[in-house]
Structures are given as C-alpha cells and as structure tokens.
C-alpha cells in the first residue's frame, strides 16, 4: 500500500528527525515523503497529489500549521493530520480541524512508532469499511457472497428470483428489484426495464432500444417507460472506453 506523507516544519533539524523515524518505520508500506519548510511550500507541493498523512509544526513564518491543516482538511477530508509542536495553546484549534493527535516536542522514536501503529490501524479500519460499503451481499441457498459493485453488470428479475451478473458468472437469490434499487448507492445503477437494473459504467452503447455491454454478449431491453431515465443517466455518465 502506498502512503503519501507530508512533513512541514521550518526547523530543518526537527523535520529531519521525523524523516528519519519514517525511514526506520517498516510496515510493508510504500512511503512517499513530501517535505516542506513552510506552509506555502507544502500547499504548493500537494496541489496535485493526495496526502494520506500530514505531520505539521504550528509556529512557522507565513502560514502557521493550523492554517495549513485547515487547507488540507478542506482539500482532503480524510487526511490524517498530526501536529508536532512546541506549543500547548493551539490544541483547541487542532481539535476543531479533527487532528488525529497533538504532540508536544520533542517526540521520541518509541512514541513516534507507537503513533504510526495507531495511524496504520486507522487506515486499515477505514480501508475495510470502504471495501465493505462497496460490496453487494448475495444470500444464496448455499452461502453468502459479497460482490464488488464495480464488477456487477446487471440485475435481472426471473419470476420470484433475482439474477446478479458479472462478466464471469451469475448468482440467483430471492428479492425484489425495487428493494435492490433502494439499497444501491450513487447513480451508477439505473432501472431500464421492469425486469432489469443495469450498471451504466459497463455500457458500450445503445442499439435499437437495447443496451449493449462491454465484455459480455447479453443485451438488455430498454422499455418505453424508462427510456428518458436511461438517456438522462447516460448524458451524465457517458459511455466509457
């Protein structure tokens, strides 16, 4: 797993201490360091790249660490922000921007490694949660399956059963299309027919009121009732290569 880690401190010695700790910390992460000696420099460097973790000093010339933290929080709501400072009186401001921790200098290697363990645990928990909410659960007669939403091509009603199809296989389970539609997140999935829900990301084109998918041969009919809805959805989410 790659981690982009930003370090901002106008004291080069303090900055190098954190850099050294991070270089010694080995938890199977591909760590990319973004180093800056001012808030302005850091914000310029992260203009076009995501930051997973930011270690910020507070008292600096120009923008202070709280101001930089605010900018990062607006730009990247999920970034883990840690303040490492010699001042105690900014803790409330740090709390207001949801800092992960507020640490008073100096920080020992033992304390830093403990901090990184906690950060890694948070990242793993977040990753597990994001993976969970991006999975569709299917309860068949034999087992409970979890399928990534981006692997699903369509849902089809067959009598009292529903078929969910990927490009490799399909599974049957008991449910109703209206229930499935209510539970689907975002606007990627649309109803195109009383018997079908399709993933617009998988559509190659439309031919004679039929949806043609990429990678699979099955064509899905578009009923008159849902024709406008399909057109509107595809105008917002054009065919992908």
Protein backbone atom coordinates (compact mmCIF):
# COMPACT_ATOMS: atom_id res chain seq x y z
CA UNK A 1 0.00 0.00 0.00
CA UNK A 2 1.37 3.40 -0.97
CA UNK A 3 1.28 6.25 1.53
CA UNK A 4 1.87 9.89 0.66
CA UNK A 5 3.15 11.50 3.86
CA UNK A 6 3.65 15.27 4.17
CA UNK A 7 6.03 16.79 6.73
CA UNK A 8 6.09 20.53 7.31
CA UNK A 9 8.45 22.20 9.80
CA UNK A 10 10.54 25.36 9.46
CA UNK A 11 13.20 23.83 11.72
CA UNK A 12 15.25 21.59 9.44
CA UNK A 13 16.58 19.54 12.34
CA UNK A 14 13.09 18.75 13.63
CA UNK A 15 11.95 17.94 10.10
CA UNK A 16 14.87 15.55 9.58
CA UNK A 17 14.09 13.77 12.85
CA UNK A 18 10.59 12.90 11.58
CA UNK A 19 12.01 11.91 8.19
CA UNK A 20 14.46 9.59 9.93
CA UNK A 21 11.74 7.99 12.03
CA UNK A 22 9.61 7.38 8.94
CA UNK A 23 12.54 5.84 7.08
CA UNK A 24 13.05 3.46 10.01
CA UNK A 25 9.38 2.58 10.22
CA UNK A 26 8.78 -0.51 8.10
CA UNK A 27 5.24 -1.84 7.93
CA UNK A 28 5.13 -3.02 4.33
CA UNK A 29 4.08 0.42 3.13
CA UNK A 30 5.49 2.15 0.08
CA UNK A 31 6.10 5.54 1.69
CA UNK A 32 6.48 8.67 -0.42
CA UNK A 33 7.64 11.70 1.58
CA UNK A 34 6.66 15.28 0.78
CA UNK A 35 8.94 17.63 2.73
CA UNK A 36 8.45 21.37 3.19
CA UNK A 37 9.89 24.08 5.43
CA UNK A 38 6.87 26.39 5.15
CA UNK A 39 3.12 26.10 4.85
CA UNK A 40 3.16 27.81 1.49
CA UNK A 41 5.73 25.37 0.13
CA UNK A 42 3.75 22.36 1.33
CA UNK A 43 0.45 23.56 -0.14
CA UNK A 44 2.17 24.15 -3.47
CA UNK A 45 3.69 20.66 -3.44
CA UNK A 46 0.39 18.92 -2.68
CA UNK A 47 -1.63 20.90 -5.19
CA UNK A 48 -1.90 17.89 -7.49
CA UNK A 49 -1.29 14.91 -5.22
CA UNK A 50 -3.27 13.31 -2.43
CA UNK A 51 -1.91 13.28 1.14
CA UNK A 52 -2.67 10.30 3.41
CA UNK A 53 -0.88 11.65 6.49
CA UNK A 54 0.36 15.16 7.34
CA UNK A 55 2.80 15.95 10.17
CA UNK A 56 2.67 19.69 10.82
CA UNK A 57 4.57 22.12 13.00
CA UNK A 58 2.47 25.07 14.14
CA UNK A 59 4.67 28.14 14.70
CA UNK A 60 6.11 28.97 11.28
CA UNK A 61 6.75 32.08 9.24
CA UNK A 62 3.87 32.91 6.92
CA UNK A 63 1.06 30.38 7.18
CA UNK A 64 1.05 28.60 10.52
CA UNK A 65 0.34 24.90 10.94
CA UNK A 66 -3.29 25.40 11.90
CA UNK A 67 -3.92 27.37 8.72
CA UNK A 68 -2.15 24.72 6.66
CA UNK A 69 -4.15 22.00 8.42
CA UNK A 70 -7.36 23.82 7.58
CA UNK A 71 -6.39 23.98 3.90
CA UNK A 72 -5.52 20.28 3.89
CA UNK A 73 -8.79 19.35 5.62
CA UNK A 74 -10.82 21.25 3.00
CA UNK A 75 -8.85 19.73 0.12
CA UNK A 76 -8.57 16.21 1.55
CA UNK A 77 -11.30 15.46 4.15
CA UNK A 78 -9.85 12.03 5.02
CA UNK A 79 -6.21 13.02 5.53
CA UNK A 80 -4.81 12.08 8.95
CA UNK A 81 -3.35 15.27 10.44
CA UNK A 82 -0.87 15.20 13.33
CA UNK A 83 0.52 18.35 14.92
CA UNK A 84 4.01 18.07 16.40
CA UNK A 85 4.75 21.37 18.10
CA UNK A 86 6.47 23.07 21.00
CA UNK A 87 3.30 24.96 21.96
CA UNK A 88 0.37 23.71 24.03
CA UNK A 89 -2.06 26.55 23.40
CA UNK A 90 -3.25 25.51 19.91
CA UNK A 91 -4.85 22.22 20.95
CA UNK A 92 -8.41 23.56 20.64
CA UNK A 93 -7.81 24.79 17.10
CA UNK A 94 -6.27 21.42 16.25
CA UNK A 95 -9.32 19.66 17.65
CA UNK A 96 -11.61 21.82 15.51
CA UNK A 97 -10.00 20.55 12.31
CA UNK A 98 -10.18 16.95 13.57
CA UNK A 99 -6.46 16.39 14.12
CA UNK A 100 -5.58 12.77 14.83
CA UNK A 101 -3.12 13.77 17.56
CA UNK A 102 -1.48 16.84 19.07
CA UNK A 103 2.03 16.10 20.28
CA UNK A 104 4.42 18.34 22.19
CA UNK A 105 8.06 18.30 21.05
CA UNK A 106 10.41 16.54 21.41
CA UNK A 107 8.98 13.24 20.23
CA UNK A 108 10.99 10.08 20.84
CA UNK A 109 11.29 7.27 18.33
CA UNK A 110 9.33 4.99 20.66
CA UNK A 111 6.46 7.46 20.87
CA UNK A 112 6.55 8.09 17.13
CA UNK A 113 6.47 4.40 16.25
CA UNK A 114 3.53 3.93 18.64
CA UNK A 115 1.79 6.82 16.89
CA UNK A 116 2.42 5.24 13.47
CA UNK A 117 0.98 1.93 14.67
CA UNK A 118 -2.23 3.75 15.63
CA UNK A 119 -2.32 5.58 12.31
CA UNK A 120 -1.84 2.34 10.37
CA UNK A 121 -4.65 0.75 12.35
CA UNK A 122 -6.94 3.67 11.47
CA UNK A 123 -6.03 3.37 7.80
CA UNK A 124 -6.73 -0.37 7.81
CA UNK A 125 -10.09 0.15 9.52
CA UNK A 126 -11.01 2.83 7.00
CA UNK A 127 -9.97 0.63 4.09
CA UNK A 128 -12.01 -2.28 5.44
CA UNK A 129 -15.06 -0.05 5.88
CA UNK A 130 -14.74 1.42 2.39
CA UNK A 131 -14.41 -2.07 0.94
CA UNK A 132 -17.45 -3.24 2.89
CA UNK A 133 -19.72 -0.44 1.67
CA UNK A 134 -18.60 -1.11 -1.90
CA UNK A 135 -19.78 -4.71 -1.77
CA UNK A 136 -23.19 -6.13 -2.64
CA UNK A 137 -24.22 -9.06 -0.45
CA UNK A 138 -25.97 -12.01 -2.05
CA UNK A 139 -27.53 -14.74 0.07
CA UNK A 140 -27.90 -17.89 -1.99
CA UNK A 141 -29.07 -21.29 -0.78
CA UNK A 142 -25.50 -22.38 -0.21
CA UNK A 143 -23.67 -19.26 1.01
CA UNK A 144 -23.45 -15.51 1.47
CA UNK A 145 -21.44 -13.86 -1.30
CA UNK A 146 -20.07 -10.35 -1.48
CA UNK A 147 -19.58 -8.87 -4.92
CA UNK A 148 -17.88 -5.57 -5.68
CA UNK A 149 -20.35 -3.12 -7.17
CA UNK A 150 -17.93 -2.28 -9.98
CA UNK A 151 -17.96 -5.94 -11.06
CA UNK A 152 -21.74 -6.09 -11.48
CA UNK A 153 -23.23 -5.66 -14.96
CA UNK A 154 -26.92 -6.03 -14.26
CA UNK A 155 -29.68 -7.39 -12.04
CA UNK A 156 -32.45 -9.36 -13.74
CA UNK A 157 -35.80 -10.44 -12.36
CA UNK A 158 -36.71 -14.04 -13.16
CA UNK A 159 -40.03 -14.82 -11.53
CA UNK A 160 -39.53 -14.53 -7.77
CA UNK A 161 -35.77 -14.69 -8.12
CA UNK A 162 -33.15 -12.09 -8.94
CA UNK A 163 -30.07 -12.83 -11.01
CA UNK A 164 -26.98 -10.66 -10.43
CA UNK A 165 -24.43 -10.94 -13.23
CA UNK A 166 -20.76 -10.12 -13.60
CA UNK A 167 -18.74 -10.71 -16.76
CA UNK A 168 -17.70 -14.14 -15.46
CA UNK A 169 -20.64 -15.61 -13.54
CA UNK A 170 -24.14 -15.01 -12.19
CA UNK A 171 -25.95 -15.80 -8.95
CA UNK A 172 -29.61 -16.29 -8.06
CA UNK A 173 -31.26 -15.10 -4.86
CA UNK A 174 -34.69 -14.12 -3.57
CA UNK A 175 -35.53 -10.42 -3.52
CA UNK A 176 -37.35 -7.72 -5.45
CA UNK A 177 -35.81 -5.25 -7.89
CA UNK A 178 -37.39 -2.29 -6.10
CA UNK A 179 -35.69 -3.33 -2.86
CA UNK A 180 -32.35 -3.67 -4.61
CA UNK A 181 -32.73 -0.29 -6.29
CA UNK A 182 -33.37 1.39 -2.94
CA UNK A 183 -30.20 -0.10 -1.50
CA UNK A 184 -27.87 0.83 -4.35
CA UNK A 185 -25.64 3.83 -3.67
CA UNK A 186 -24.90 6.64 -6.09
CA UNK A 187 -26.31 6.96 -9.59
CA UNK A 188 -24.27 4.32 -11.43
CA UNK A 189 -27.11 1.78 -11.40
CA UNK A 190 -30.38 2.61 -13.16
CA UNK A 191 -33.66 0.89 -13.92
CA UNK A 192 -34.05 0.44 -17.67
CA UNK A 193 -36.93 -2.04 -17.72
CA UNK A 194 -39.39 -3.51 -15.24
CA UNK A 195 -37.19 -6.61 -15.18
CA UNK A 196 -33.69 -5.09 -15.18
CA UNK A 197 -31.28 -2.79 -13.35
CA UNK A 198 -28.03 -2.04 -15.20
CA UNK A 199 -24.62 -0.63 -14.33
CA UNK A 200 -24.07 2.36 -16.62
CA UNK A 201 -20.29 2.03 -16.26
CA UNK A 202 -20.47 -1.25 -18.17
CA UNK A 203 -22.47 0.03 -21.15
CA UNK A 204 -20.77 0.08 -24.55
CA UNK A 205 -23.64 1.66 -26.50
CA UNK A 206 -27.36 1.60 -27.25
CA UNK A 207 -28.66 -0.29 -30.30
CA UNK A 208 -32.34 -0.26 -31.27
CA UNK A 209 -33.56 0.22 -27.70
CA UNK A 210 -31.21 -2.42 -26.34
CA UNK A 211 -28.26 -1.88 -24.02
CA UNK A 212 -25.03 -3.41 -25.30
CA UNK A 213 -22.39 -4.14 -22.69
CA UNK A 214 -18.63 -4.29 -22.85
CA UNK A 215 -17.17 -7.81 -22.44
CA UNK A 216 -20.48 -9.72 -22.32
CA UNK A 217 -22.85 -10.61 -25.15
CA UNK A 218 -26.18 -10.24 -23.36
CA UNK A 219 -28.33 -7.31 -24.47
CA UNK A 220 -30.81 -5.67 -22.11
CA UNK A 221 -34.07 -4.13 -23.39
CA UNK A 222 -34.99 -0.53 -22.63
CA UNK A 223 -38.72 -0.12 -22.09
CA UNK A 224 -40.61 2.99 -23.16
CA UNK A 225 -41.32 3.83 -19.53
CA UNK A 226 -37.59 4.09 -18.67
CA UNK A 227 -36.22 5.45 -21.97
CA UNK A 228 -35.94 9.05 -20.78
CA UNK A 229 -34.43 7.98 -17.46
CA UNK A 230 -31.76 5.98 -19.30
CA UNK A 231 -31.00 8.88 -21.64
CA UNK A 232 -30.63 11.29 -18.71
CA UNK A 233 -28.37 8.91 -16.82
CA UNK A 234 -26.12 8.31 -19.80
CA UNK A 235 -25.82 12.04 -20.51
CA UNK A 236 -24.34 12.43 -17.01
CA UNK A 237 -22.25 9.27 -17.27
CA UNK A 238 -21.13 8.89 -20.92
CA UNK A 239 -20.01 5.58 -22.38
CA UNK A 240 -16.54 4.60 -21.17
CA UNK A 241 -13.80 3.07 -23.27
